[in-house]
């Protein structure tokens, strides 16, 4: 087993657990409709995180092109996967007791959710910056604008309960993530 395969197994398990958590939450909603009050913004972020986790797992295959692995790279990849898992887990608590549905829960945990989401963009941007100007240039102008902008918007989301802001941000984030996935990762070759 090569080092990439070794790392891919662990990160695939972590990402798989995150996706499982999302799917179990959606299955509970389907199994018990009307038990809990649903919230469209929350469900949009659920869809976003599903696409994000699948997108990240597909992107991870590009790590097979690395010539040399260091412990720092290994740790970075593992922590990134853990961050995605935590984002997935935050969307569906084990129990909604004490909350008046998903809307109440979502806003009570918004600082954690959006803080971790902003952190993932910040570390991705930092990782790209550390790889040098050529790497950043290869990512294109879109990345240079989108990553910092998304980070700022996610930090803002952590500190506001403005429902219209959250609704627009959730829809825009999901649309952008799906667009990026379709545009950048059609093939892996």
N, C-alpha and C. Protein backbone atom coordinates (compact mmCIF):
# COMPACT_ATOMS: atom_id res chain seq x y z
N UNK A 1 0.85 -1.17 0.00
CA UNK A 1 0.00 0.00 0.00
C UNK A 1 0.89 1.24 0.00
N UNK A 2 0.65 2.13 -0.94
CA UNK A 2 1.41 3.38 -1.00
C UNK A 2 0.86 4.36 0.04
N UNK A 3 1.65 5.38 0.36
CA UNK A 3 1.27 6.34 1.40
C UNK A 3 -0.05 7.04 1.06
N UNK A 4 -0.25 7.40 -0.20
CA UNK A 4 -1.51 8.04 -0.56
C UNK A 4 -2.69 7.14 -0.24
N UNK A 5 -2.60 5.88 -0.58
CA UNK A 5 -3.70 4.95 -0.31
C UNK A 5 -3.95 4.84 1.19
N UNK A 6 -2.89 4.83 1.95
CA UNK A 6 -2.98 4.77 3.41
C UNK A 6 -3.73 5.98 3.96
N UNK A 7 -3.36 7.16 3.49
CA UNK A 7 -4.02 8.41 3.92
C UNK A 7 -5.46 8.45 3.42
N UNK A 8 -5.66 8.04 2.17
CA UNK A 8 -6.99 8.08 1.57
C UNK A 8 -7.99 7.21 2.33
N UNK A 9 -7.53 6.09 2.85
CA UNK A 9 -8.43 5.22 3.61
C UNK A 9 -8.95 5.96 4.85
N UNK A 10 -8.05 6.56 5.61
CA UNK A 10 -8.46 7.25 6.83
C UNK A 10 -9.37 8.46 6.52
N UNK A 11 -8.97 9.27 5.56
CA UNK A 11 -9.80 10.45 5.26
C UNK A 11 -11.14 10.03 4.66
N UNK A 12 -11.16 8.96 3.89
CA UNK A 12 -12.43 8.48 3.33
C UNK A 12 -13.37 8.03 4.44
N UNK A 13 -12.83 7.41 5.46
CA UNK A 13 -13.65 7.01 6.60
C UNK A 13 -14.23 8.24 7.29
N UNK A 14 -13.40 9.24 7.54
CA UNK A 14 -13.87 10.45 8.23
C UNK A 14 -14.93 11.16 7.39
N UNK A 15 -14.67 11.34 6.10
CA UNK A 15 -15.64 11.99 5.22
C UNK A 15 -16.91 11.13 5.12
N UNK A 16 -16.74 9.83 5.04
CA UNK A 16 -17.88 8.92 4.99
C UNK A 16 -18.75 9.03 6.24
N UNK A 17 -18.13 9.20 7.39
CA UNK A 17 -18.90 9.39 8.63
C UNK A 17 -19.70 10.70 8.58
N UNK A 18 -19.09 11.74 8.02
CA UNK A 18 -19.81 13.01 7.88
C UNK A 18 -21.01 12.87 6.96
N UNK A 19 -20.82 12.23 5.82
CA UNK A 19 -21.92 12.02 4.88
C UNK A 19 -22.99 11.14 5.53
N UNK A 20 -22.56 10.11 6.25
CA UNK A 20 -23.51 9.25 6.96
C UNK A 20 -24.34 10.05 7.95
N UNK A 21 -23.69 10.95 8.67
CA UNK A 21 -24.40 11.78 9.64
C UNK A 21 -25.49 12.62 8.94
N UNK A 22 -25.13 13.22 7.82
CA UNK A 22 -26.11 14.01 7.06
C UNK A 22 -27.27 13.13 6.58
N UNK A 23 -26.94 11.98 6.01
CA UNK A 23 -27.98 11.11 5.47
C UNK A 23 -28.88 10.57 6.58
N UNK A 24 -28.32 10.27 7.73
CA UNK A 24 -29.14 9.82 8.85
C UNK A 24 -30.09 10.92 9.30
N UNK A 25 -29.61 12.17 9.32
CA UNK A 25 -30.48 13.29 9.69
C UNK A 25 -31.62 13.46 8.72
N UNK A 26 -31.32 13.37 7.44
CA UNK A 26 -32.37 13.49 6.42
C UNK A 26 -33.33 12.30 6.53
N UNK A 27 -32.80 11.11 6.77
CA UNK A 27 -33.66 9.92 6.92
C UNK A 27 -34.60 10.08 8.11
N UNK A 28 -34.12 10.66 9.22
CA UNK A 28 -35.00 10.89 10.38
C UNK A 28 -36.13 11.84 10.03
N UNK A 29 -35.81 12.85 9.22
CA UNK A 29 -36.85 13.80 8.79
C UNK A 29 -37.89 13.07 7.94
N UNK A 30 -37.44 12.21 7.05
CA UNK A 30 -38.36 11.46 6.18
C UNK A 30 -39.16 10.45 7.00
N UNK A 31 -38.52 9.79 7.94
CA UNK A 31 -39.19 8.77 8.76
C UNK A 31 -40.23 9.37 9.69
N UNK A 32 -39.98 10.57 10.16
CA UNK A 32 -40.88 11.20 11.13
C UNK A 32 -41.23 12.62 10.68
N UNK A 33 -41.93 12.73 9.56
CA UNK A 33 -42.27 14.09 9.10
C UNK A 33 -43.18 14.77 10.12
N UNK A 34 -42.92 16.00 10.34
CA UNK A 34 -43.74 16.75 11.28
C UNK A 34 -43.30 16.65 12.72
N UNK A 35 -42.38 15.76 13.03
CA UNK A 35 -41.92 15.63 14.42
C UNK A 35 -41.19 16.90 14.85
N UNK A 36 -40.33 17.39 13.99
CA UNK A 36 -39.56 18.60 14.27
C UNK A 36 -39.86 19.64 13.20
N UNK A 37 -39.81 20.88 13.60
CA UNK A 37 -40.01 21.96 12.64
C UNK A 37 -38.79 22.07 11.73
N UNK A 38 -39.04 22.00 10.43
CA UNK A 38 -37.96 22.10 9.46
C UNK A 38 -37.68 23.57 9.17
N UNK A 39 -36.50 23.81 8.64
CA UNK A 39 -36.09 25.17 8.30
C UNK A 39 -35.32 25.11 6.99
N UNK A 40 -35.79 25.84 6.00
CA UNK A 40 -35.21 25.75 4.66
C UNK A 40 -33.73 26.16 4.61
N UNK A 41 -33.34 27.14 5.40
CA UNK A 41 -31.93 27.56 5.41
C UNK A 41 -31.06 26.41 5.93
N UNK A 42 -31.51 25.77 6.99
CA UNK A 42 -30.79 24.62 7.55
C UNK A 42 -30.67 23.52 6.50
N UNK A 43 -31.76 23.20 5.82
CA UNK A 43 -31.74 22.14 4.82
C UNK A 43 -30.86 22.50 3.63
N UNK A 44 -30.77 23.78 3.30
CA UNK A 44 -29.87 24.20 2.22
C UNK A 44 -28.43 23.97 2.62
N UNK A 45 -28.10 24.27 3.88
CA UNK A 45 -26.73 23.99 4.35
C UNK A 45 -26.45 22.50 4.43
N UNK A 46 -27.48 21.70 4.70
CA UNK A 46 -27.31 20.24 4.67
C UNK A 46 -26.92 19.81 3.25
N UNK A 47 -27.64 20.31 2.26
CA UNK A 47 -27.32 20.00 0.86
C UNK A 47 -25.92 20.49 0.50
N UNK A 48 -25.59 21.70 0.96
CA UNK A 48 -24.26 22.26 0.70
C UNK A 48 -23.17 21.35 1.27
N UNK A 49 -23.34 20.91 2.50
CA UNK A 49 -22.30 20.08 3.12
C UNK A 49 -22.20 18.72 2.46
N UNK A 50 -23.31 18.19 1.97
CA UNK A 50 -23.25 16.94 1.23
C UNK A 50 -22.40 17.12 -0.03
N UNK A 51 -22.71 18.17 -0.79
CA UNK A 51 -21.94 18.46 -2.01
C UNK A 51 -20.48 18.74 -1.65
N UNK A 52 -20.27 19.51 -0.60
CA UNK A 52 -18.91 19.86 -0.17
C UNK A 52 -18.10 18.61 0.19
N UNK A 53 -18.70 17.70 0.94
CA UNK A 53 -17.99 16.49 1.36
C UNK A 53 -17.67 15.60 0.15
N UNK A 54 -18.62 15.45 -0.74
CA UNK A 54 -18.40 14.64 -1.93
C UNK A 54 -17.35 15.29 -2.83
N UNK A 55 -17.44 16.60 -2.96
CA UNK A 55 -16.50 17.40 -3.76
C UNK A 55 -15.09 17.25 -3.19
N UNK A 56 -14.95 17.38 -1.88
CA UNK A 56 -13.64 17.27 -1.24
C UNK A 56 -13.09 15.87 -1.45
N UNK A 57 -13.88 14.84 -1.29
CA UNK A 57 -13.42 13.47 -1.45
C UNK A 57 -12.91 13.25 -2.88
N UNK A 58 -13.62 13.82 -3.86
CA UNK A 58 -13.20 13.70 -5.26
C UNK A 58 -11.89 14.46 -5.47
N UNK A 59 -11.77 15.64 -4.91
CA UNK A 59 -10.55 16.45 -5.01
C UNK A 59 -9.36 15.71 -4.40
N UNK A 60 -9.61 15.00 -3.31
CA UNK A 60 -8.54 14.32 -2.59
C UNK A 60 -7.75 13.38 -3.48
N UNK A 61 -8.39 12.84 -4.51
CA UNK A 61 -7.68 11.92 -5.40
C UNK A 61 -6.45 12.58 -6.02
N UNK A 62 -6.50 13.89 -6.20
CA UNK A 62 -5.35 14.61 -6.77
C UNK A 62 -4.11 14.52 -5.88
N UNK A 63 -4.32 14.19 -4.63
CA UNK A 63 -3.17 14.04 -3.73
C UNK A 63 -2.30 12.84 -4.12
N UNK A 64 -2.85 11.96 -4.93
CA UNK A 64 -2.05 10.82 -5.39
C UNK A 64 -0.87 11.28 -6.25
N UNK A 65 -0.94 12.51 -6.74
CA UNK A 65 0.14 13.06 -7.57
C UNK A 65 1.31 13.59 -6.75
N UNK A 66 1.15 13.69 -5.43
CA UNK A 66 2.25 14.17 -4.59
C UNK A 66 3.43 13.21 -4.64
N UNK A 67 4.60 13.76 -4.85
CA UNK A 67 5.80 12.93 -4.90
C UNK A 67 6.25 12.50 -3.51
N UNK A 68 6.14 13.41 -2.56
CA UNK A 68 6.61 13.12 -1.20
C UNK A 68 5.57 13.58 -0.19
N UNK A 69 5.33 12.74 0.80
CA UNK A 69 4.41 13.07 1.87
C UNK A 69 5.22 13.39 3.13
N UNK A 70 4.81 14.44 3.82
CA UNK A 70 5.41 14.76 5.10
C UNK A 70 4.32 14.59 6.16
N UNK A 71 4.74 14.56 7.40
CA UNK A 71 3.75 14.46 8.47
C UNK A 71 2.84 15.70 8.47
N UNK A 72 3.41 16.86 8.13
CA UNK A 72 2.62 18.09 8.10
C UNK A 72 1.51 18.01 7.03
N UNK A 73 1.82 17.47 5.87
CA UNK A 73 0.81 17.31 4.83
C UNK A 73 -0.25 16.32 5.28
N UNK A 74 0.21 15.21 5.84
CA UNK A 74 -0.70 14.19 6.36
C UNK A 74 -1.65 14.80 7.40
N UNK A 75 -1.09 15.52 8.34
CA UNK A 75 -1.88 16.14 9.39
C UNK A 75 -2.86 17.15 8.82
N UNK A 76 -2.40 17.96 7.88
CA UNK A 76 -3.27 18.95 7.24
C UNK A 76 -4.47 18.28 6.58
N UNK A 77 -4.24 17.23 5.83
CA UNK A 77 -5.32 16.52 5.12
C UNK A 77 -6.29 15.90 6.12
N UNK A 78 -5.77 15.29 7.16
CA UNK A 78 -6.63 14.67 8.18
C UNK A 78 -7.47 15.74 8.89
N UNK A 79 -6.83 16.84 9.27
CA UNK A 79 -7.57 17.91 9.97
C UNK A 79 -8.63 18.53 9.07
N UNK A 80 -8.35 18.65 7.80
CA UNK A 80 -9.34 19.17 6.86
C UNK A 80 -10.56 18.24 6.82
N UNK A 81 -10.31 16.94 6.76
CA UNK A 81 -11.40 15.96 6.75
C UNK A 81 -12.20 16.02 8.06
N UNK A 82 -11.50 16.16 9.17
CA UNK A 82 -12.18 16.27 10.48
C UNK A 82 -13.05 17.52 10.52
N UNK A 83 -12.56 18.61 9.97
CA UNK A 83 -13.34 19.85 9.93
C UNK A 83 -14.64 19.65 9.13
N UNK A 84 -14.55 18.94 8.02
CA UNK A 84 -15.75 18.65 7.22
C UNK A 84 -16.71 17.77 8.02
N UNK A 85 -16.17 16.77 8.71
CA UNK A 85 -17.03 15.93 9.54
C UNK A 85 -17.76 16.76 10.60
N UNK A 86 -17.03 17.64 11.29
CA UNK A 86 -17.65 18.45 12.33
C UNK A 86 -18.75 19.35 11.77
N UNK A 87 -18.52 19.91 10.59
CA UNK A 87 -19.55 20.73 9.96
C UNK A 87 -20.80 19.90 9.69
N UNK A 88 -20.62 18.67 9.21
CA UNK A 88 -21.76 17.79 8.97
C UNK A 88 -22.47 17.45 10.28
N UNK A 89 -21.69 17.13 11.30
CA UNK A 89 -22.26 16.73 12.59
C UNK A 89 -23.02 17.87 13.25
N UNK A 90 -22.55 19.10 13.06
CA UNK A 90 -23.23 20.24 13.67
C UNK A 90 -24.62 20.49 13.10
N UNK A 91 -24.87 20.02 11.90
CA UNK A 91 -26.18 20.27 11.28
C UNK A 91 -27.29 19.41 11.83
N UNK A 92 -26.96 18.25 12.37
CA UNK A 92 -27.98 17.37 12.94
C UNK A 92 -27.55 16.91 14.32
N UNK A 93 -28.13 17.51 15.36
CA UNK A 93 -27.79 17.07 16.71
C UNK A 93 -28.41 15.69 16.98
N UNK A 94 -27.89 15.01 17.97
CA UNK A 94 -28.45 13.71 18.34
C UNK A 94 -29.88 13.87 18.85
N UNK A 95 -30.17 15.04 19.41
CA UNK A 95 -31.49 15.29 20.00
C UNK A 95 -31.79 16.78 19.90
N UNK A 96 -33.01 17.10 19.53
CA UNK A 96 -33.42 18.51 19.45
C UNK A 96 -34.15 18.98 20.70
N UNK A 97 -34.10 18.19 21.77
CA UNK A 97 -34.75 18.59 23.02
C UNK A 97 -34.17 19.93 23.47
N UNK A 98 -35.03 20.83 23.85
CA UNK A 98 -34.60 22.15 24.30
C UNK A 98 -34.57 23.18 23.17
N UNK A 99 -34.84 22.74 21.95
CA UNK A 99 -34.88 23.65 20.81
C UNK A 99 -36.26 23.59 20.16
N UNK A 100 -36.69 24.71 19.64
CA UNK A 100 -37.97 24.78 18.95
C UNK A 100 -37.75 24.52 17.46
N UNK A 101 -37.29 23.33 17.14
CA UNK A 101 -37.08 22.93 15.76
C UNK A 101 -35.68 23.26 15.26
N UNK A 102 -35.48 23.01 13.96
CA UNK A 102 -34.16 23.18 13.36
C UNK A 102 -33.75 24.64 13.22
N UNK A 103 -34.69 25.52 13.08
CA UNK A 103 -34.34 26.94 12.97
C UNK A 103 -33.70 27.41 14.27
N UNK A 104 -34.33 27.12 15.37
CA UNK A 104 -33.80 27.51 16.68
C UNK A 104 -32.42 26.87 16.91
N UNK A 105 -32.31 25.58 16.61
CA UNK A 105 -31.03 24.90 16.78
C UNK A 105 -29.95 25.52 15.88
N UNK A 106 -30.29 25.73 14.60
CA UNK A 106 -29.33 26.25 13.63
C UNK A 106 -28.75 27.59 14.09
N UNK A 107 -29.61 28.51 14.51
CA UNK A 107 -29.10 29.82 14.93
C UNK A 107 -28.34 29.74 16.25
N UNK A 108 -28.68 28.78 17.09
CA UNK A 108 -27.94 28.64 18.35
C UNK A 108 -26.53 28.11 18.13
N UNK A 109 -26.31 27.42 17.01
CA UNK A 109 -25.00 26.84 16.72
C UNK A 109 -24.32 27.53 15.53
N UNK A 110 -24.86 28.66 15.11
CA UNK A 110 -24.32 29.32 13.92
C UNK A 110 -22.86 29.74 14.08
N UNK A 111 -22.45 30.16 15.24
CA UNK A 111 -21.05 30.58 15.41
C UNK A 111 -20.09 29.41 15.23
N UNK A 112 -20.47 28.26 15.74
CA UNK A 112 -19.64 27.08 15.53
C UNK A 112 -19.63 26.68 14.06
N UNK A 113 -20.81 26.58 13.48
CA UNK A 113 -20.90 26.12 12.09
C UNK A 113 -20.17 27.06 11.14
N UNK A 114 -20.49 28.33 11.21
CA UNK A 114 -19.88 29.27 10.27
C UNK A 114 -18.41 29.55 10.62
N UNK A 115 -18.07 29.44 11.89
CA UNK A 115 -16.67 29.58 12.27
C UNK A 115 -15.82 28.47 11.67
N UNK A 116 -16.30 27.23 11.76
CA UNK A 116 -15.58 26.11 11.16
C UNK A 116 -15.56 26.19 9.64
N UNK A 117 -16.68 26.64 9.05
CA UNK A 117 -16.73 26.79 7.59
C UNK A 117 -15.74 27.86 7.12
N UNK A 118 -15.70 28.99 7.83
CA UNK A 118 -14.75 30.05 7.48
C UNK A 118 -13.32 29.55 7.68
N UNK A 119 -13.10 28.79 8.74
CA UNK A 119 -11.78 28.23 9.01
C UNK A 119 -11.32 27.34 7.84
N UNK A 120 -12.24 26.55 7.29
CA UNK A 120 -11.84 25.66 6.19
C UNK A 120 -11.43 26.47 4.96
N UNK A 121 -12.13 27.57 4.68
CA UNK A 121 -11.73 28.42 3.55
C UNK A 121 -10.41 29.12 3.85
N UNK A 122 -10.25 29.57 5.07
CA UNK A 122 -9.01 30.27 5.44
C UNK A 122 -7.81 29.33 5.34
N UNK A 123 -7.93 28.09 5.83
CA UNK A 123 -6.79 27.19 5.76
C UNK A 123 -6.53 26.75 4.32
N UNK A 124 -7.58 26.63 3.53
CA UNK A 124 -7.39 26.28 2.12
C UNK A 124 -6.64 27.41 1.41
N UNK A 125 -7.05 28.63 1.67
CA UNK A 125 -6.40 29.78 1.04
C UNK A 125 -4.94 29.89 1.52
N UNK A 126 -4.74 29.71 2.81
CA UNK A 126 -3.37 29.75 3.36
C UNK A 126 -2.51 28.65 2.75
N UNK A 127 -3.08 27.45 2.63
CA UNK A 127 -2.36 26.34 2.02
C UNK A 127 -1.97 26.67 0.58
N UNK A 128 -2.87 27.27 -0.16
CA UNK A 128 -2.58 27.65 -1.55
C UNK A 128 -1.52 28.75 -1.61
N UNK A 129 -1.59 29.68 -0.70
CA UNK A 129 -0.63 30.79 -0.65
C UNK A 129 0.77 30.26 -0.33
N UNK A 130 0.85 29.30 0.62
CA UNK A 130 2.14 28.74 1.02
C UNK A 130 2.79 27.98 -0.15
N UNK A 131 1.98 27.43 -1.02
CA UNK A 131 2.50 26.68 -2.16
C UNK A 131 3.14 27.59 -3.20
N UNK A 132 2.98 28.90 -3.03
CA UNK A 132 3.70 29.84 -3.88
C UNK A 132 2.84 30.56 -4.90
N UNK A 133 3.40 31.63 -5.44
CA UNK A 133 2.66 32.47 -6.38
C UNK A 133 2.24 31.73 -7.65
N UNK A 134 3.07 30.79 -8.09
CA UNK A 134 2.72 30.04 -9.31
C UNK A 134 1.47 29.19 -9.08
N UNK A 135 1.42 28.55 -7.91
CA UNK A 135 0.24 27.74 -7.56
C UNK A 135 -1.00 28.62 -7.49
N UNK A 136 -0.88 29.76 -6.82
CA UNK A 136 -2.02 30.68 -6.72
C UNK A 136 -2.46 31.15 -8.11
N UNK A 137 -1.52 31.47 -8.95
CA UNK A 137 -1.84 31.93 -10.31
C UNK A 137 -2.57 30.83 -11.09
N UNK A 138 -2.16 29.58 -10.89
CA UNK A 138 -2.81 28.46 -11.58
C UNK A 138 -4.26 28.27 -11.14
N UNK A 139 -4.57 28.69 -9.92
CA UNK A 139 -5.94 28.57 -9.44
C UNK A 139 -6.88 29.58 -10.10
N UNK A 140 -6.30 30.66 -10.58
CA UNK A 140 -7.09 31.63 -11.32
C UNK A 140 -7.66 32.74 -10.46
N UNK A 141 -8.12 33.76 -11.14
CA UNK A 141 -8.68 34.94 -10.49
C UNK A 141 -9.92 34.61 -9.67
N UNK A 142 -10.72 33.68 -10.18
CA UNK A 142 -11.94 33.30 -9.46
C UNK A 142 -11.62 32.85 -8.04
N UNK A 143 -10.62 31.99 -7.89
CA UNK A 143 -10.25 31.49 -6.57
C UNK A 143 -9.73 32.63 -5.68
N UNK A 144 -8.91 33.50 -6.27
CA UNK A 144 -8.33 34.60 -5.50
C UNK A 144 -9.39 35.55 -4.95
N UNK A 145 -10.52 35.62 -5.63
CA UNK A 145 -11.63 36.46 -5.17
C UNK A 145 -12.59 35.65 -4.31
N UNK A 146 -12.96 34.46 -4.77
CA UNK A 146 -14.01 33.68 -4.11
C UNK A 146 -13.63 33.20 -2.72
N UNK A 147 -12.42 32.69 -2.54
CA UNK A 147 -12.05 32.13 -1.23
C UNK A 147 -12.07 33.19 -0.12
N UNK A 148 -11.41 34.35 -0.31
CA UNK A 148 -11.48 35.36 0.75
C UNK A 148 -12.89 35.93 0.94
N UNK A 149 -13.62 36.10 -0.16
CA UNK A 149 -14.99 36.63 -0.06
C UNK A 149 -15.88 35.67 0.72
N UNK A 150 -15.77 34.39 0.42
CA UNK A 150 -16.58 33.41 1.15
C UNK A 150 -16.20 33.38 2.63
N UNK A 151 -14.93 33.51 2.92
CA UNK A 151 -14.49 33.53 4.32
C UNK A 151 -15.13 34.69 5.06
N UNK A 152 -15.10 35.87 4.46
CA UNK A 152 -15.69 37.06 5.08
C UNK A 152 -17.19 36.88 5.28
N UNK A 153 -17.89 36.36 4.26
CA UNK A 153 -19.33 36.15 4.36
C UNK A 153 -19.68 35.13 5.44
N UNK A 154 -18.88 34.09 5.57
CA UNK A 154 -19.13 33.08 6.59
C UNK A 154 -18.88 33.63 8.00
N UNK A 155 -17.87 34.46 8.15
CA UNK A 155 -17.64 35.11 9.45
C UNK A 155 -18.82 36.02 9.77
N UNK A 156 -19.30 36.77 8.79
CA UNK A 156 -20.47 37.63 9.01
C UNK A 156 -21.68 36.80 9.42
N UNK A 157 -21.85 35.63 8.79
CA UNK A 157 -22.98 34.76 9.11
C UNK A 157 -22.91 34.26 10.55
N UNK A 158 -21.71 34.10 11.06
CA UNK A 158 -21.55 33.64 12.44
C UNK A 158 -22.08 34.67 13.44
N UNK A 159 -22.11 35.92 13.03
CA UNK A 159 -22.48 36.98 13.98
C UNK A 159 -23.82 37.63 13.71
N UNK A 160 -24.56 37.15 12.74
CA UNK A 160 -25.88 37.74 12.49
C UNK A 160 -26.96 36.66 12.48
N UNK A 161 -28.13 37.07 12.90
CA UNK A 161 -29.30 36.20 12.83
C UNK A 161 -30.24 36.67 11.72
N UNK A 162 -29.81 37.65 10.94
CA UNK A 162 -30.65 38.19 9.87
C UNK A 162 -31.03 37.07 8.91
N UNK A 163 -32.29 36.70 8.92
CA UNK A 163 -32.75 35.54 8.17
C UNK A 163 -32.57 35.70 6.66
N UNK A 164 -32.82 36.86 6.13
CA UNK A 164 -32.67 37.07 4.68
C UNK A 164 -31.20 36.88 4.27
N UNK A 165 -30.28 37.41 5.07
CA UNK A 165 -28.85 37.23 4.80
C UNK A 165 -28.50 35.74 4.76
N UNK A 166 -28.99 35.00 5.76
CA UNK A 166 -28.69 33.57 5.83
C UNK A 166 -29.30 32.81 4.66
N UNK A 167 -30.49 33.18 4.27
CA UNK A 167 -31.17 32.50 3.16
C UNK A 167 -30.40 32.71 1.85
N UNK A 168 -30.04 33.96 1.58
CA UNK A 168 -29.31 34.28 0.35
C UNK A 168 -27.93 33.62 0.37
N UNK A 169 -27.24 33.69 1.49
CA UNK A 169 -25.91 33.08 1.59
C UNK A 169 -25.97 31.57 1.37
N UNK A 170 -26.94 30.91 1.98
CA UNK A 170 -27.05 29.46 1.83
C UNK A 170 -27.30 29.06 0.37
N UNK A 171 -28.21 29.74 -0.26
CA UNK A 171 -28.53 29.43 -1.67
C UNK A 171 -27.33 29.73 -2.56
N UNK A 172 -26.69 30.88 -2.35
CA UNK A 172 -25.53 31.25 -3.17
C UNK A 172 -24.37 30.28 -2.95
N UNK A 173 -24.13 29.88 -1.71
CA UNK A 173 -23.03 28.95 -1.41
C UNK A 173 -23.28 27.59 -2.07
N UNK A 174 -24.51 27.10 -1.97
CA UNK A 174 -24.83 25.81 -2.59
C UNK A 174 -24.70 25.90 -4.11
N UNK A 175 -25.23 26.96 -4.71
CA UNK A 175 -25.14 27.12 -6.16
C UNK A 175 -23.69 27.22 -6.61
N UNK A 176 -22.89 27.98 -5.90
CA UNK A 176 -21.49 28.14 -6.27
C UNK A 176 -20.74 26.82 -6.11
N UNK A 177 -20.98 26.11 -5.01
CA UNK A 177 -20.29 24.83 -4.78
C UNK A 177 -20.64 23.82 -5.86
N UNK A 178 -21.90 23.75 -6.24
CA UNK A 178 -22.31 22.82 -7.29
C UNK A 178 -21.70 23.23 -8.62
N UNK A 179 -21.69 24.51 -8.90
CA UNK A 179 -21.10 25.02 -10.14
C UNK A 179 -19.61 24.70 -10.20
N UNK A 180 -18.91 24.94 -9.11
CA UNK A 180 -17.48 24.67 -9.07
C UNK A 180 -17.21 23.17 -9.24
N UNK A 181 -18.00 22.35 -8.58
CA UNK A 181 -17.81 20.90 -8.70
C UNK A 181 -17.99 20.46 -10.15
N UNK A 182 -18.99 20.98 -10.81
CA UNK A 182 -19.23 20.59 -12.20
C UNK A 182 -18.20 21.16 -13.17
N UNK A 183 -17.71 22.35 -12.88
CA UNK A 183 -16.76 22.98 -13.79
C UNK A 183 -15.34 22.45 -13.62
N UNK A 184 -14.92 22.17 -12.41
CA UNK A 184 -13.52 21.83 -12.16
C UNK A 184 -13.24 20.35 -12.07
N UNK A 185 -14.23 19.55 -11.81
CA UNK A 185 -13.95 18.15 -11.55
C UNK A 185 -14.76 17.21 -12.42
N UNK A 186 -14.87 17.56 -13.68
CA UNK A 186 -15.58 16.67 -14.59
C UNK A 186 -14.85 15.34 -14.73
N UNK A 187 -13.53 15.42 -14.86
CA UNK A 187 -12.72 14.20 -14.94
C UNK A 187 -11.55 14.33 -13.98
N UNK A 188 -10.91 13.22 -13.70
CA UNK A 188 -9.79 13.25 -12.77
C UNK A 188 -8.46 13.07 -13.48
N UNK A 189 -8.47 12.89 -14.77
CA UNK A 189 -7.24 12.64 -15.48
C UNK A 189 -6.37 13.79 -15.76
